[in-house]
Amino acid sequence: MKTTVASAVVLLVVASSALAQQTPKPAPEMSQLKYFAGSWKCSGDAPASPFGPAHKTESSLMLKLDLDGFWYDGPLTEMKTASNTQPVKGMIHLGYEPTGKQYVMVWVDNFGSWATEMSPGWQGDTMVWTGDQMVMGEKAASRDTFVKKSDTEVTHKFELNMKGQWSPIVDETCKKAGAAKK
C-alpha cells in the first residue's frame, strides 16, 4: 500500500512538472494587434438601418493586453445623444489562433448581439475581419474593415449582410486619446 501511495505521489509530481513545462505562450503574431492597444475616441456616421435612423456617432474604446498576453480586450461605449438614443455598449476581444493562422475577434453587446470574426492580419495598412453576428435574433455575415492612417488614427467601417445585401452600419474615424491633433 505504501508503495502505491508513493508511486501515485511521484506520478503527480512528474505530471505537474510536465504540465508546467507545457504552459502555452501567446503567439508572436499577437504583436500585430498591439496597434489597437490604448484609449481611442471615435466619431462618424451610422446610416439608416434596421437599428434606427441615420445619426452621428461618438464612441470610446479602451483596449489592453489581458489574460496572460493571449487577448487584447476592453469596452466600447457609444455616447447617448438626441439622435442616438440607444447607444451600443459592448466588449471586444482580439487574439490569435495559431492552428488556423488567423486573428480572432469576439464581440458581445448590450443588444444581446454577439459575433466572431477572423482576419489574416494586416495587408499593408488594412485589416479586414469577416465572420458572423447574431443580431436581432438572426444570423448575419459581418465585416469590420480597419485602415491605418497613422500610428494614432484609424478608420473603421462595420457592415452586415442581412438578407443578401451588405449594409454599412457604422463608418467612423478613431484617434488615440492624447495623440497630437493635426
N, C-alpha and C. Protein backbone atom coordinates (compact mmCIF):
# COMPACT_ATOMS: atom_id res chain seq x y z
N MET A 1 0.81 -1.19 0.00
CA MET A 1 0.00 0.00 0.00
C MET A 1 0.86 1.25 0.00
N LYS A 2 1.94 1.27 0.83
CA LYS A 2 2.82 2.44 0.88
C LYS A 2 3.47 2.66 -0.48
N THR A 3 3.80 1.59 -1.18
CA THR A 3 4.42 1.71 -2.49
C THR A 3 3.45 2.33 -3.47
N THR A 4 2.18 1.96 -3.41
CA THR A 4 1.17 2.51 -4.31
C THR A 4 0.98 4.00 -4.07
N VAL A 5 0.89 4.42 -2.81
CA VAL A 5 0.73 5.83 -2.48
C VAL A 5 1.97 6.61 -2.91
N ALA A 6 3.14 6.08 -2.63
CA ALA A 6 4.38 6.75 -3.02
C ALA A 6 4.47 6.86 -4.54
N SER A 7 4.07 5.82 -5.24
CA SER A 7 4.09 5.85 -6.71
C SER A 7 3.12 6.90 -7.23
N ALA A 8 1.96 7.00 -6.62
CA ALA A 8 0.96 7.98 -7.05
C ALA A 8 1.48 9.40 -6.83
N VAL A 9 2.15 9.63 -5.69
CA VAL A 9 2.72 10.95 -5.41
C VAL A 9 3.78 11.29 -6.44
N VAL A 10 4.66 10.34 -6.74
CA VAL A 10 5.71 10.57 -7.74
C VAL A 10 5.08 10.89 -9.09
N LEU A 11 4.04 10.14 -9.48
CA LEU A 11 3.36 10.41 -10.75
C LEU A 11 2.75 11.80 -10.78
N LEU A 12 2.13 12.23 -9.69
CA LEU A 12 1.56 13.57 -9.62
C LEU A 12 2.62 14.65 -9.76
N VAL A 13 3.75 14.48 -9.09
CA VAL A 13 4.84 15.45 -9.18
C VAL A 13 5.38 15.51 -10.60
N VAL A 14 5.59 14.36 -11.22
CA VAL A 14 6.11 14.31 -12.60
C VAL A 14 5.09 14.93 -13.56
N ALA A 15 3.80 14.59 -13.40
CA ALA A 15 2.76 15.15 -14.27
C ALA A 15 2.65 16.65 -14.09
N SER A 16 2.71 17.13 -12.86
CA SER A 16 2.64 18.57 -12.60
C SER A 16 3.82 19.29 -13.23
N SER A 17 4.98 18.70 -13.13
CA SER A 17 6.18 19.29 -13.72
C SER A 17 6.06 19.33 -15.24
N ALA A 18 5.56 18.25 -15.83
CA ALA A 18 5.40 18.20 -17.28
C ALA A 18 4.39 19.25 -17.74
N LEU A 19 3.28 19.41 -17.01
CA LEU A 19 2.28 20.41 -17.37
C LEU A 19 2.84 21.82 -17.25
N ALA A 20 3.61 22.06 -16.20
CA ALA A 20 4.20 23.39 -16.01
C ALA A 20 5.14 23.73 -17.16
N GLN A 21 5.85 22.73 -17.66
CA GLN A 21 6.77 22.97 -18.77
C GLN A 21 6.02 23.16 -20.08
N GLN A 22 4.76 22.73 -20.15
CA GLN A 22 3.97 22.84 -21.37
C GLN A 22 3.01 24.02 -21.32
N THR A 23 3.18 24.91 -20.37
CA THR A 23 2.31 26.07 -20.28
C THR A 23 2.37 26.83 -21.60
N PRO A 24 1.21 27.07 -22.21
CA PRO A 24 1.23 27.75 -23.51
C PRO A 24 1.69 29.20 -23.37
N LYS A 25 2.26 29.68 -24.44
CA LYS A 25 2.71 31.07 -24.50
C LYS A 25 1.95 31.75 -25.64
N PRO A 26 1.67 33.04 -25.49
CA PRO A 26 1.00 33.76 -26.57
C PRO A 26 1.82 33.69 -27.86
N ALA A 27 1.11 33.61 -28.97
CA ALA A 27 1.77 33.56 -30.27
C ALA A 27 2.49 34.88 -30.55
N PRO A 28 3.65 34.83 -31.19
CA PRO A 28 4.36 36.07 -31.53
C PRO A 28 3.52 36.98 -32.43
N GLU A 29 2.58 36.39 -33.17
CA GLU A 29 1.72 37.18 -34.05
C GLU A 29 0.84 38.17 -33.29
N MET A 30 0.70 37.98 -31.98
CA MET A 30 -0.08 38.93 -31.18
C MET A 30 0.49 40.35 -31.29
N SER A 31 1.77 40.45 -31.64
CA SER A 31 2.39 41.78 -31.75
C SER A 31 1.71 42.63 -32.83
N GLN A 32 1.09 41.98 -33.83
CA GLN A 32 0.39 42.75 -34.87
C GLN A 32 -0.83 43.48 -34.32
N LEU A 33 -1.35 43.00 -33.20
CA LEU A 33 -2.54 43.61 -32.61
C LEU A 33 -2.20 44.75 -31.66
N LYS A 34 -0.93 44.92 -31.34
CA LYS A 34 -0.52 45.97 -30.39
C LYS A 34 -0.96 47.35 -30.85
N TYR A 35 -1.06 47.54 -32.16
CA TYR A 35 -1.52 48.82 -32.71
C TYR A 35 -2.83 49.26 -32.06
N PHE A 36 -3.72 48.30 -31.78
CA PHE A 36 -5.05 48.62 -31.25
C PHE A 36 -5.05 48.96 -29.76
N ALA A 37 -3.97 48.68 -29.06
CA ALA A 37 -3.92 48.92 -27.61
C ALA A 37 -4.00 50.41 -27.30
N GLY A 38 -4.75 50.74 -26.26
CA GLY A 38 -4.83 52.12 -25.80
C GLY A 38 -6.26 52.63 -25.79
N SER A 39 -6.37 53.92 -25.53
CA SER A 39 -7.67 54.60 -25.48
C SER A 39 -7.91 55.29 -26.82
N TRP A 40 -9.07 55.03 -27.39
CA TRP A 40 -9.45 55.60 -28.68
C TRP A 40 -10.75 56.38 -28.54
N LYS A 41 -10.85 57.48 -29.26
CA LYS A 41 -12.08 58.25 -29.39
C LYS A 41 -12.48 58.20 -30.86
N CYS A 42 -13.72 57.83 -31.11
CA CYS A 42 -14.19 57.65 -32.49
C CYS A 42 -15.39 58.54 -32.76
N SER A 43 -15.51 58.99 -34.00
CA SER A 43 -16.69 59.73 -34.44
C SER A 43 -16.95 59.38 -35.89
N GLY A 44 -18.23 59.38 -36.24
CA GLY A 44 -18.58 59.03 -37.61
C GLY A 44 -20.07 59.07 -37.84
N ASP A 45 -20.50 58.19 -38.76
CA ASP A 45 -21.90 58.17 -39.17
C ASP A 45 -22.44 56.75 -39.13
N ALA A 46 -23.70 56.65 -38.73
CA ALA A 46 -24.45 55.41 -38.82
C ALA A 46 -25.62 55.70 -39.75
N PRO A 47 -25.61 55.13 -40.96
CA PRO A 47 -26.73 55.39 -41.87
C PRO A 47 -28.01 54.73 -41.35
N ALA A 48 -29.13 55.12 -41.88
CA ALA A 48 -30.40 54.50 -41.51
C ALA A 48 -30.29 53.00 -41.76
N SER A 49 -30.79 52.22 -40.79
CA SER A 49 -30.71 50.76 -40.88
C SER A 49 -31.82 50.16 -40.03
N PRO A 50 -31.90 48.83 -39.99
CA PRO A 50 -32.91 48.22 -39.10
C PRO A 50 -32.69 48.59 -37.63
N PHE A 51 -31.53 49.19 -37.32
CA PHE A 51 -31.21 49.54 -35.94
C PHE A 51 -31.64 50.96 -35.58
N GLY A 52 -32.16 51.70 -36.56
CA GLY A 52 -32.62 53.04 -36.26
C GLY A 52 -32.32 54.01 -37.38
N PRO A 53 -32.72 55.28 -37.17
CA PRO A 53 -32.49 56.31 -38.20
C PRO A 53 -31.01 56.69 -38.29
N ALA A 54 -30.65 57.33 -39.38
CA ALA A 54 -29.27 57.80 -39.56
C ALA A 54 -28.92 58.76 -38.43
N HIS A 55 -27.68 58.68 -37.98
CA HIS A 55 -27.24 59.58 -36.91
C HIS A 55 -25.71 59.63 -36.86
N LYS A 56 -25.21 60.66 -36.24
CA LYS A 56 -23.78 60.79 -35.97
C LYS A 56 -23.44 59.87 -34.80
N THR A 57 -22.21 59.38 -34.79
CA THR A 57 -21.78 58.52 -33.68
C THR A 57 -20.55 59.11 -33.01
N GLU A 58 -20.49 58.91 -31.73
CA GLU A 58 -19.30 59.23 -30.93
C GLU A 58 -19.13 58.07 -29.97
N SER A 59 -17.92 57.54 -29.90
CA SER A 59 -17.69 56.40 -29.01
C SER A 59 -16.28 56.43 -28.47
N SER A 60 -16.08 55.62 -27.44
CA SER A 60 -14.74 55.45 -26.90
C SER A 60 -14.46 53.95 -26.80
N LEU A 61 -13.20 53.61 -26.94
CA LEU A 61 -12.75 52.22 -26.89
C LEU A 61 -11.45 52.20 -26.11
N MET A 62 -11.35 51.26 -25.19
CA MET A 62 -10.13 51.10 -24.40
C MET A 62 -9.71 49.64 -24.49
N LEU A 63 -8.62 49.37 -25.21
CA LEU A 63 -8.12 48.00 -25.35
C LEU A 63 -6.79 47.85 -24.63
N LYS A 64 -6.66 46.73 -23.92
CA LYS A 64 -5.41 46.44 -23.21
C LYS A 64 -5.09 44.96 -23.37
N LEU A 65 -3.81 44.64 -23.24
CA LEU A 65 -3.38 43.25 -23.27
C LEU A 65 -3.85 42.59 -21.98
N ASP A 66 -4.44 41.40 -22.10
CA ASP A 66 -5.06 40.76 -20.93
C ASP A 66 -4.89 39.24 -21.03
N LEU A 67 -5.31 38.56 -19.99
CA LEU A 67 -5.31 37.10 -19.93
C LEU A 67 -3.96 36.51 -20.32
N ASP A 68 -2.94 36.97 -19.59
CA ASP A 68 -1.57 36.50 -19.76
C ASP A 68 -1.03 36.68 -21.18
N GLY A 69 -1.50 37.73 -21.86
CA GLY A 69 -0.97 38.06 -23.17
C GLY A 69 -1.65 37.37 -24.34
N PHE A 70 -2.73 36.62 -24.08
CA PHE A 70 -3.41 35.91 -25.15
C PHE A 70 -4.48 36.75 -25.85
N TRP A 71 -4.96 37.81 -25.19
CA TRP A 71 -6.03 38.61 -25.76
C TRP A 71 -5.79 40.09 -25.48
N TYR A 72 -6.19 40.93 -26.44
CA TYR A 72 -6.41 42.35 -26.20
C TYR A 72 -7.92 42.46 -26.01
N ASP A 73 -8.35 43.10 -24.94
CA ASP A 73 -9.78 43.24 -24.75
C ASP A 73 -10.12 44.53 -24.04
N GLY A 74 -11.40 44.89 -24.16
CA GLY A 74 -11.87 46.08 -23.49
C GLY A 74 -13.24 46.52 -23.95
N PRO A 75 -13.77 47.55 -23.29
CA PRO A 75 -15.11 48.03 -23.60
C PRO A 75 -15.15 49.07 -24.71
N LEU A 76 -16.24 49.04 -25.46
CA LEU A 76 -16.57 50.07 -26.43
C LEU A 76 -17.88 50.68 -25.95
N THR A 77 -17.93 52.00 -25.89
CA THR A 77 -19.14 52.69 -25.42
C THR A 77 -19.48 53.83 -26.36
N GLU A 78 -20.67 53.76 -26.96
CA GLU A 78 -21.17 54.88 -27.76
C GLU A 78 -21.81 55.88 -26.81
N MET A 79 -21.74 57.14 -27.17
CA MET A 79 -22.33 58.19 -26.35
C MET A 79 -23.81 58.34 -26.73
N LYS A 80 -24.64 58.56 -25.72
CA LYS A 80 -26.06 58.80 -25.95
C LYS A 80 -26.22 60.26 -26.37
N THR A 81 -26.93 60.48 -27.46
CA THR A 81 -27.20 61.83 -27.95
C THR A 81 -28.67 61.92 -28.33
N ALA A 82 -29.12 63.11 -28.69
CA ALA A 82 -30.51 63.29 -29.10
C ALA A 82 -30.85 62.42 -30.33
N SER A 83 -29.87 62.25 -31.22
CA SER A 83 -30.13 61.45 -32.42
C SER A 83 -29.71 59.98 -32.27
N ASN A 84 -29.05 59.65 -31.17
CA ASN A 84 -28.63 58.27 -30.91
C ASN A 84 -29.09 57.90 -29.50
N THR A 85 -30.38 57.59 -29.40
CA THR A 85 -30.98 57.36 -28.09
C THR A 85 -30.74 55.95 -27.56
N GLN A 86 -30.25 55.05 -28.39
CA GLN A 86 -29.95 53.69 -27.96
C GLN A 86 -28.50 53.34 -28.32
N PRO A 87 -27.55 53.92 -27.59
CA PRO A 87 -26.15 53.68 -27.93
C PRO A 87 -25.70 52.25 -27.62
N VAL A 88 -24.73 51.82 -28.39
CA VAL A 88 -24.16 50.48 -28.23
C VAL A 88 -23.12 50.50 -27.11
N LYS A 89 -23.15 49.48 -26.28
CA LYS A 89 -22.10 49.22 -25.30
C LYS A 89 -21.70 47.77 -25.50
N GLY A 90 -20.42 47.52 -25.61
CA GLY A 90 -20.00 46.15 -25.83
C GLY A 90 -18.59 45.88 -25.36
N MET A 91 -18.23 44.63 -25.46
CA MET A 91 -16.87 44.17 -25.15
C MET A 91 -16.29 43.52 -26.38
N ILE A 92 -15.02 43.85 -26.65
CA ILE A 92 -14.32 43.28 -27.80
C ILE A 92 -13.11 42.52 -27.28
N HIS A 93 -12.82 41.42 -27.93
CA HIS A 93 -11.66 40.59 -27.59
C HIS A 93 -10.94 40.26 -28.89
N LEU A 94 -9.64 40.52 -28.95
CA LEU A 94 -8.82 40.24 -30.13
C LEU A 94 -7.70 39.28 -29.74
N GLY A 95 -7.54 38.22 -30.51
CA GLY A 95 -6.49 37.24 -30.23
C GLY A 95 -5.97 36.61 -31.51
N TYR A 96 -5.21 35.56 -31.35
CA TYR A 96 -4.63 34.86 -32.50
C TYR A 96 -4.83 33.37 -32.32
N GLU A 97 -5.25 32.70 -33.37
CA GLU A 97 -5.48 31.25 -33.36
C GLU A 97 -4.38 30.61 -34.21
N PRO A 98 -3.33 30.05 -33.56
CA PRO A 98 -2.16 29.58 -34.30
C PRO A 98 -2.41 28.38 -35.22
N THR A 99 -3.35 27.52 -34.89
CA THR A 99 -3.59 26.36 -35.76
C THR A 99 -4.10 26.81 -37.12
N GLY A 100 -5.07 27.72 -37.12
CA GLY A 100 -5.62 28.24 -38.38
C GLY A 100 -4.85 29.43 -38.92
N LYS A 101 -3.85 29.90 -38.16
CA LYS A 101 -3.04 31.07 -38.55
C LYS A 101 -3.93 32.26 -38.92
N GLN A 102 -4.87 32.56 -38.00
CA GLN A 102 -5.78 33.67 -38.20
C GLN A 102 -5.96 34.43 -36.89
N TYR A 103 -6.27 35.71 -37.04
CA TYR A 103 -6.62 36.53 -35.90
C TYR A 103 -8.10 36.31 -35.61
N VAL A 104 -8.47 36.42 -34.34
CA VAL A 104 -9.83 36.15 -33.90
C VAL A 104 -10.38 37.38 -33.19
N MET A 105 -11.62 37.75 -33.53
CA MET A 105 -12.32 38.82 -32.83
C MET A 105 -13.62 38.23 -32.27
N VAL A 106 -13.87 38.51 -31.00
CA VAL A 106 -15.12 38.11 -30.37
C VAL A 106 -15.77 39.39 -29.84
N TRP A 107 -17.06 39.55 -30.09
CA TRP A 107 -17.79 40.75 -29.71
C TRP A 107 -19.08 40.35 -29.01
N VAL A 108 -19.43 41.04 -27.94
CA VAL A 108 -20.73 40.90 -27.27
C VAL A 108 -21.21 42.30 -26.90
N ASP A 109 -22.55 42.51 -26.91
CA ASP A 109 -23.04 43.87 -26.63
C ASP A 109 -24.35 43.90 -25.87
N ASN A 110 -24.79 45.13 -25.57
CA ASN A 110 -25.98 45.38 -24.77
C ASN A 110 -27.28 45.17 -25.54
N PHE A 111 -27.22 44.74 -26.79
CA PHE A 111 -28.42 44.39 -27.55
C PHE A 111 -28.61 42.87 -27.59
N GLY A 112 -27.71 42.15 -26.89
CA GLY A 112 -27.76 40.70 -26.91
C GLY A 112 -27.08 40.12 -28.14
N SER A 113 -26.46 40.97 -28.92
CA SER A 113 -25.75 40.51 -30.13
C SER A 113 -24.40 39.95 -29.75
N TRP A 114 -23.91 39.05 -30.57
CA TRP A 114 -22.54 38.55 -30.41
C TRP A 114 -22.02 38.18 -31.79
N ALA A 115 -20.70 38.25 -31.91
CA ALA A 115 -20.08 37.97 -33.21
C ALA A 115 -18.73 37.31 -33.01
N THR A 116 -18.36 36.52 -34.00
CA THR A 116 -16.99 36.01 -34.11
C THR A 116 -16.54 36.29 -35.53
N GLU A 117 -15.36 36.86 -35.64
CA GLU A 117 -14.79 37.17 -36.95
C GLU A 117 -13.33 36.76 -36.97
N MET A 118 -12.82 36.49 -38.17
CA MET A 118 -11.44 36.09 -38.36
C MET A 118 -10.79 37.06 -39.36
N SER A 119 -9.46 37.18 -39.25
CA SER A 119 -8.69 38.02 -40.17
C SER A 119 -7.34 37.37 -40.42
N PRO A 120 -6.84 37.49 -41.66
CA PRO A 120 -5.48 37.00 -41.93
C PRO A 120 -4.41 37.94 -41.37
N GLY A 121 -4.81 39.13 -40.91
CA GLY A 121 -3.85 40.10 -40.38
C GLY A 121 -3.77 41.33 -41.28
N TRP A 122 -2.80 42.16 -40.99
CA TRP A 122 -2.62 43.39 -41.76
C TRP A 122 -2.17 43.06 -43.17
N GLN A 123 -2.85 43.63 -44.13
CA GLN A 123 -2.45 43.59 -45.54
C GLN A 123 -2.12 45.04 -45.89
N GLY A 124 -0.84 45.37 -45.82
CA GLY A 124 -0.46 46.78 -45.93
C GLY A 124 -1.00 47.50 -44.71
N ASP A 125 -1.81 48.54 -44.93
CA ASP A 125 -2.40 49.31 -43.82
C ASP A 125 -3.85 48.92 -43.54
N THR A 126 -4.31 47.81 -44.10
CA THR A 126 -5.70 47.40 -43.96
C THR A 126 -5.81 46.04 -43.27
N MET A 127 -6.73 45.95 -42.32
CA MET A 127 -7.05 44.67 -41.68
C MET A 127 -8.55 44.47 -41.80
N VAL A 128 -8.95 43.38 -42.46
CA VAL A 128 -10.36 43.06 -42.66
C VAL A 128 -10.71 41.82 -41.85
N TRP A 129 -11.77 41.92 -41.07
CA TRP A 129 -12.27 40.82 -40.26
C TRP A 129 -13.62 40.40 -40.85
N THR A 130 -13.83 39.10 -41.04
CA THR A 130 -15.11 38.61 -41.55
C THR A 130 -15.59 37.45 -40.69
N GLY A 131 -16.91 37.34 -40.60
CA GLY A 131 -17.48 36.25 -39.82
C GLY A 131 -18.98 36.37 -39.76
N ASP A 132 -19.52 36.04 -38.60
CA ASP A 132 -20.97 36.05 -38.41
C ASP A 132 -21.32 36.78 -37.13
N GLN A 133 -22.50 37.41 -37.16
CA GLN A 133 -23.02 38.08 -35.98
C GLN A 133 -24.47 37.65 -35.80
N MET A 134 -24.82 37.36 -34.57
CA MET A 134 -26.22 37.13 -34.21
C MET A 134 -26.77 38.48 -33.79
N VAL A 135 -27.74 38.97 -34.52
CA VAL A 135 -28.28 40.30 -34.27
C VAL A 135 -29.80 40.27 -34.50
N MET A 136 -30.53 40.79 -33.54
CA MET A 136 -31.99 40.84 -33.63
C MET A 136 -32.58 39.45 -33.92
N GLY A 137 -31.99 38.43 -33.31
CA GLY A 137 -32.48 37.07 -33.47
C GLY A 137 -32.14 36.41 -34.79
N GLU A 138 -31.31 37.05 -35.59
CA GLU A 138 -30.93 36.49 -36.89
C GLU A 138 -29.42 36.45 -37.03
N LYS A 139 -28.96 35.46 -37.78
CA LYS A 139 -27.54 35.36 -38.09
C LYS A 139 -27.27 36.15 -39.37
N ALA A 140 -26.24 36.99 -39.31
CA ALA A 140 -25.86 37.80 -40.47
C ALA A 140 -24.35 37.72 -40.66
N ALA A 141 -23.91 37.74 -41.91
CA ALA A 141 -22.48 37.84 -42.19
C ALA A 141 -22.04 39.24 -41.76
N SER A 142 -20.85 39.33 -41.19
CA SER A 142 -20.35 40.62 -40.71
C SER A 142 -18.94 40.86 -41.25
N ARG A 143 -18.62 42.16 -41.35
CA ARG A 143 -17.30 42.56 -41.84
C ARG A 143 -16.90 43.86 -41.17
N ASP A 144 -15.71 43.86 -40.57
CA ASP A 144 -15.10 45.05 -39.99
C ASP A 144 -13.83 45.33 -40.77
N THR A 145 -13.70 46.55 -41.28
CA THR A 145 -12.51 46.94 -42.04
C THR A 145 -11.84 48.10 -41.33
N PHE A 146 -10.56 47.92 -40.98
CA PHE A 146 -9.76 48.95 -40.34
C PHE A 146 -8.66 49.38 -41.30
N VAL A 147 -8.46 50.68 -41.46
CA VAL A 147 -7.40 51.21 -42.32
C VAL A 147 -6.58 52.18 -41.47
N LYS A 148 -5.28 51.87 -41.31
CA LYS A 148 -4.38 52.76 -40.57
C LYS A 148 -4.14 54.02 -41.38
N LYS A 149 -4.33 55.15 -40.75
CA LYS A 149 -3.99 56.43 -41.37
C LYS A 149 -2.67 56.94 -40.80
N SER A 150 -2.38 56.56 -39.56
CA SER A 150 -1.13 56.91 -38.89
C SER A 150 -1.03 56.02 -37.66
N ASP A 151 -0.01 56.24 -36.85
CA ASP A 151 0.13 55.48 -35.61
C ASP A 151 -0.98 55.80 -34.61
N THR A 152 -1.67 56.92 -34.83
CA THR A 152 -2.68 57.37 -33.87
C THR A 152 -4.06 57.57 -34.49
N GLU A 153 -4.25 57.14 -35.73
CA GLU A 153 -5.55 57.32 -36.39
C GLU A 153 -5.86 56.13 -37.28
N VAL A 154 -7.11 55.67 -37.19
CA VAL A 154 -7.56 54.53 -38.00
C VAL A 154 -9.02 54.80 -38.40
N THR A 155 -9.38 54.37 -39.60
CA THR A 155 -10.80 54.40 -39.98
C THR A 155 -11.36 52.99 -39.76
N HIS A 156 -12.63 52.95 -39.45
CA HIS A 156 -13.32 51.68 -39.18
C HIS A 156 -14.67 51.71 -39.86
N LYS A 157 -14.95 50.66 -40.63
CA LYS A 157 -16.25 50.50 -41.27
C LYS A 157 -16.79 49.14 -40.86
N PHE A 158 -18.01 49.13 -40.29
CA PHE A 158 -18.67 47.89 -39.90
C PHE A 158 -19.88 47.69 -40.80
N GLU A 159 -19.97 46.49 -41.40
CA GLU A 159 -21.06 46.18 -42.31
C GLU A 159 -21.68 44.83 -41.95
N LEU A 160 -22.97 44.71 -42.23
CA LEU A 160 -23.68 43.44 -42.07
C LEU A 160 -24.32 43.07 -43.40
N ASN A 161 -24.35 41.78 -43.68
CA ASN A 161 -25.05 41.26 -44.85
C ASN A 161 -26.33 40.62 -44.34
N MET A 162 -27.40 41.39 -44.44
CA MET A 162 -28.70 40.90 -43.98
C MET A 162 -29.59 40.72 -45.20
N LYS A 163 -30.09 39.52 -45.33
CA LYS A 163 -30.98 39.19 -46.45
C LYS A 163 -30.29 39.37 -47.80
N GLY A 164 -28.98 39.01 -47.85
CA GLY A 164 -28.26 39.00 -49.12
C GLY A 164 -27.67 40.32 -49.58
N GLN A 165 -27.73 41.36 -48.76
CA GLN A 165 -27.19 42.66 -49.17
C GLN A 165 -26.32 43.24 -48.07
N TRP A 166 -25.10 43.68 -48.44
CA TRP A 166 -24.20 44.34 -47.48
C TRP A 166 -24.71 45.74 -47.20
N SER A 167 -24.81 46.06 -45.92
CA SER A 167 -25.25 47.38 -45.50
C SER A 167 -24.26 47.96 -44.50
N PRO A 168 -23.83 49.21 -44.71
CA PRO A 168 -22.96 49.83 -43.71
C PRO A 168 -23.76 50.12 -42.44
N ILE A 169 -23.16 49.81 -41.30
CA ILE A 169 -23.80 50.07 -40.01
C ILE A 169 -23.12 51.26 -39.33
N VAL A 170 -21.79 51.31 -39.41
CA VAL A 170 -21.02 52.43 -38.86
C VAL A 170 -19.82 52.68 -39.75
N ASP A 171 -19.54 53.95 -40.00
CA ASP A 171 -18.35 54.37 -40.73
C ASP A 171 -17.74 55.49 -39.90
N GLU A 172 -16.56 55.25 -39.31
CA GLU A 172 -16.02 56.19 -38.34
C GLU A 172 -14.51 56.34 -38.45
N THR A 173 -14.02 57.40 -37.85
CA THR A 173 -12.60 57.64 -37.71
C THR A 173 -12.28 57.64 -36.23
N CYS A 174 -11.22 56.90 -35.87
CA CYS A 174 -10.83 56.78 -34.46
C CYS A 174 -9.43 57.34 -34.28
N LYS A 175 -9.26 58.08 -33.19
CA LYS A 175 -7.95 58.67 -32.86
C LYS A 175 -7.58 58.25 -31.44
N LYS A 176 -6.30 57.92 -31.28
CA LYS A 176 -5.83 57.57 -29.94
C LYS A 176 -5.95 58.78 -29.05
N ALA A 177 -6.52 58.59 -27.88
CA ALA A 177 -6.68 59.68 -26.92
C ALA A 177 -5.31 60.18 -26.51
N GLY A 178 -5.18 61.48 -26.42
CA GLY A 178 -3.92 62.08 -26.02
C GLY A 178 -2.96 62.28 -27.18
N ALA A 179 -3.34 61.80 -28.36
CA ALA A 179 -2.47 61.98 -29.52
C ALA A 179 -2.55 63.43 -29.99
N ALA A 180 -1.46 63.91 -30.51
CA ALA A 180 -1.42 65.29 -31.00
C ALA A 180 -2.39 65.45 -32.16
N LYS A 181 -3.13 66.56 -32.15
CA LYS A 181 -4.10 66.83 -33.23
C LYS A 181 -3.34 67.41 -34.42
N LYS A 182 -3.78 67.01 -35.60
CA LYS A 182 -3.13 67.51 -36.82
C LYS A 182 -4.02 68.51 -37.51
